[in-house]
């Protein structure tokens, strides 16, 4: 069994394969995601798992340099935005339209899109990968 927090094999595999500036999307149950082999459906029932729990687990494994959030989350779901902001540390945020965020799920550098059971509006985020070199290169 893994020592790390993340147990879902598909999500763990996606994070392991992500390269610098590639993206991973985490969305609520209503985010339209194509079933093109990059969809990771974690939804069980309405509300489970929660978006914020999946985001927290993902951030425990993934180095992120930038996130994309829909502008509308500021007014339509400020509580969720507050929860997201608590998890982001020194990460650039780009505010975009909800339409642009939905389209980002389908571009080639988005390696996977995760569907949660979240039912609150605009609970969607695109995470852009950073590089994290640990230790020194083997000589």
Protein backbone atom coordinates (compact mmCIF):
# COMPACT_ATOMS: atom_id res chain seq x y z
CA UNK A 1 0.00 0.00 0.00
CA UNK A 2 1.16 3.55 -0.76
CA UNK A 3 2.55 5.73 1.97
CA UNK A 4 1.12 8.84 0.39
CA UNK A 5 -2.38 10.14 0.93
CA UNK A 6 -3.76 9.64 -2.59
CA UNK A 7 -5.14 6.13 -3.18
CA UNK A 8 -7.12 6.44 -6.42
CA UNK A 9 -4.98 4.71 -9.04
CA UNK A 10 -6.21 6.68 -12.07
CA UNK A 11 -5.72 10.06 -10.40
CA UNK A 12 -2.35 9.02 -9.01
CA UNK A 13 -1.27 7.80 -12.46
CA UNK A 14 -2.35 11.07 -14.09
CA UNK A 15 -0.35 13.11 -11.59
CA UNK A 16 2.67 10.84 -12.06
CA UNK A 17 2.58 11.40 -15.83
CA UNK A 18 1.98 15.14 -15.87
CA UNK A 19 4.73 17.33 -17.26
CA UNK A 20 5.64 20.96 -16.74
CA UNK A 21 2.83 23.32 -17.87
CA UNK A 22 0.44 20.46 -18.55
CA UNK A 23 -2.92 20.70 -16.80
CA UNK A 24 -5.30 18.62 -14.72
CA UNK A 25 -8.92 19.69 -14.25
CA UNK A 26 -11.06 18.99 -11.20
CA UNK A 27 -14.74 19.73 -11.57
CA UNK A 28 -18.15 19.44 -10.04
CA UNK A 29 -20.65 16.83 -11.20
CA UNK A 30 -22.05 19.15 -13.87
CA UNK A 31 -18.81 20.01 -15.66
CA UNK A 32 -19.08 18.61 -19.21
CA UNK A 33 -16.17 16.20 -19.63
CA UNK A 34 -15.68 14.13 -22.75
CA UNK A 35 -15.25 10.43 -22.15
CA UNK A 36 -12.13 10.30 -24.31
CA UNK A 37 -9.95 8.21 -22.00
CA UNK A 38 -8.85 11.22 -19.95
CA UNK A 39 -11.99 11.35 -17.77
CA UNK A 40 -11.57 10.21 -14.16
CA UNK A 41 -15.05 9.86 -12.66
CA UNK A 42 -14.92 9.79 -8.87
CA UNK A 43 -18.59 10.72 -8.34
CA UNK A 44 -20.60 8.33 -6.17
CA UNK A 45 -23.77 10.22 -5.28
CA UNK A 46 -24.69 13.90 -5.24
CA UNK A 47 -22.24 15.56 -2.90
CA UNK A 48 -19.72 12.72 -2.70
CA UNK A 49 -16.85 13.12 -2.98
CA UNK A 50 -16.67 16.82 -2.33
CA UNK A 51 -14.68 18.97 -4.75
CA UNK A 52 -12.55 20.46 -1.98
CA UNK A 53 -11.53 17.03 -0.64
CA UNK A 54 -10.40 15.89 -4.10
CA UNK A 55 -8.53 19.16 -4.62
CA UNK A 56 -6.80 18.83 -1.25
CA UNK A 57 -5.73 15.24 -1.98
CA UNK A 58 -4.51 16.22 -5.46
CA UNK A 59 -2.49 19.15 -4.15
CA UNK A 60 -0.83 16.83 -1.62
CA UNK A 61 0.75 15.03 -4.61
CA UNK A 62 1.03 17.64 -7.36
CA UNK A 63 3.29 20.68 -7.67
CA UNK A 64 1.19 23.51 -9.12
CA UNK A 65 2.43 26.81 -10.53
CA UNK A 66 -0.87 28.31 -11.68
CA UNK A 67 -4.60 27.72 -11.41
CA UNK A 68 -7.49 28.82 -13.58
CA UNK A 69 -10.80 29.66 -11.94
CA UNK A 70 -14.05 30.93 -13.40
CA UNK A 71 -14.72 34.55 -12.56
CA UNK A 72 -18.29 33.63 -11.49
CA UNK A 73 -17.12 31.63 -8.47
CA UNK A 74 -16.45 34.98 -6.75
CA UNK A 75 -20.16 35.84 -6.65
CA UNK A 76 -21.91 32.50 -7.17
CA UNK A 77 -19.92 30.37 -4.69
CA UNK A 78 -17.75 32.57 -2.42
CA UNK A 79 -17.59 29.89 0.31
CA UNK A 80 -16.02 27.40 -2.09
CA UNK A 81 -13.61 30.09 -3.27
CA UNK A 82 -12.62 30.71 0.34
CA UNK A 83 -11.94 26.96 0.78
CA UNK A 84 -9.86 26.88 -2.41
CA UNK A 85 -7.80 29.89 -1.38
CA UNK A 86 -6.90 28.21 1.92
CA UNK A 87 -5.20 25.41 -0.07
CA UNK A 88 -3.27 27.56 -2.53
CA UNK A 89 0.15 28.76 -1.43
CA UNK A 90 2.21 30.98 -3.74
CA UNK A 91 0.21 29.91 -6.78
CA UNK A 92 -0.75 32.34 -9.53
CA UNK A 93 -4.48 32.57 -10.23
CA UNK A 94 -5.88 33.44 -13.63
CA UNK A 95 -9.54 34.45 -13.63
CA UNK A 96 -11.32 33.34 -16.79
CA UNK A 97 -14.86 32.91 -18.09
CA UNK A 98 -16.70 29.72 -17.24
CA UNK A 99 -16.90 28.94 -20.96
CA UNK A 100 -13.12 29.16 -21.32
CA UNK A 101 -12.66 26.91 -18.29
CA UNK A 102 -15.00 24.29 -19.80
CA UNK A 103 -13.07 24.44 -23.06
CA UNK A 104 -9.76 23.93 -21.25
CA UNK A 105 -10.92 20.43 -20.28
CA UNK A 106 -10.69 19.38 -23.92
CA UNK A 107 -7.33 20.77 -25.02
CA UNK A 108 -4.39 18.46 -25.59
CA UNK A 109 -2.27 19.67 -22.67
CA UNK A 110 -5.07 18.81 -20.20
CA UNK A 111 -3.95 15.31 -19.30
CA UNK A 112 -7.04 14.41 -17.27
CA UNK A 113 -10.35 15.78 -16.02
CA UNK A 114 -11.69 14.62 -12.67
CA UNK A 115 -15.44 14.55 -12.00
CA UNK A 116 -16.42 14.81 -8.36
CA UNK A 117 -19.85 14.54 -6.78
CA UNK A 118 -19.84 18.24 -5.91
CA UNK A 119 -23.17 19.97 -6.48
CA UNK A 120 -22.33 23.59 -5.64
CA UNK A 121 -21.98 25.91 -8.66
CA UNK A 122 -18.65 26.77 -10.29
CA UNK A 123 -16.66 24.27 -8.21
CA UNK A 124 -14.16 23.75 -11.00
CA UNK A 125 -10.43 24.38 -11.26
CA UNK A 126 -7.67 23.81 -13.78
CA UNK A 127 -4.28 23.09 -12.21
CA UNK A 128 -1.13 23.87 -14.23
CA UNK A 129 1.82 21.70 -13.28
CA UNK A 130 5.15 23.03 -12.09
CA UNK A 131 8.51 21.33 -11.82
CA UNK A 132 9.92 20.17 -8.50
CA UNK A 133 13.39 18.73 -8.48
CA UNK A 134 14.19 17.01 -5.21
CA UNK A 135 17.78 16.30 -4.34
CA UNK A 136 20.73 16.32 -6.69
CA UNK A 137 21.14 14.59 -10.00
CA UNK A 138 22.87 11.22 -9.91
CA UNK A 139 26.46 11.56 -11.05
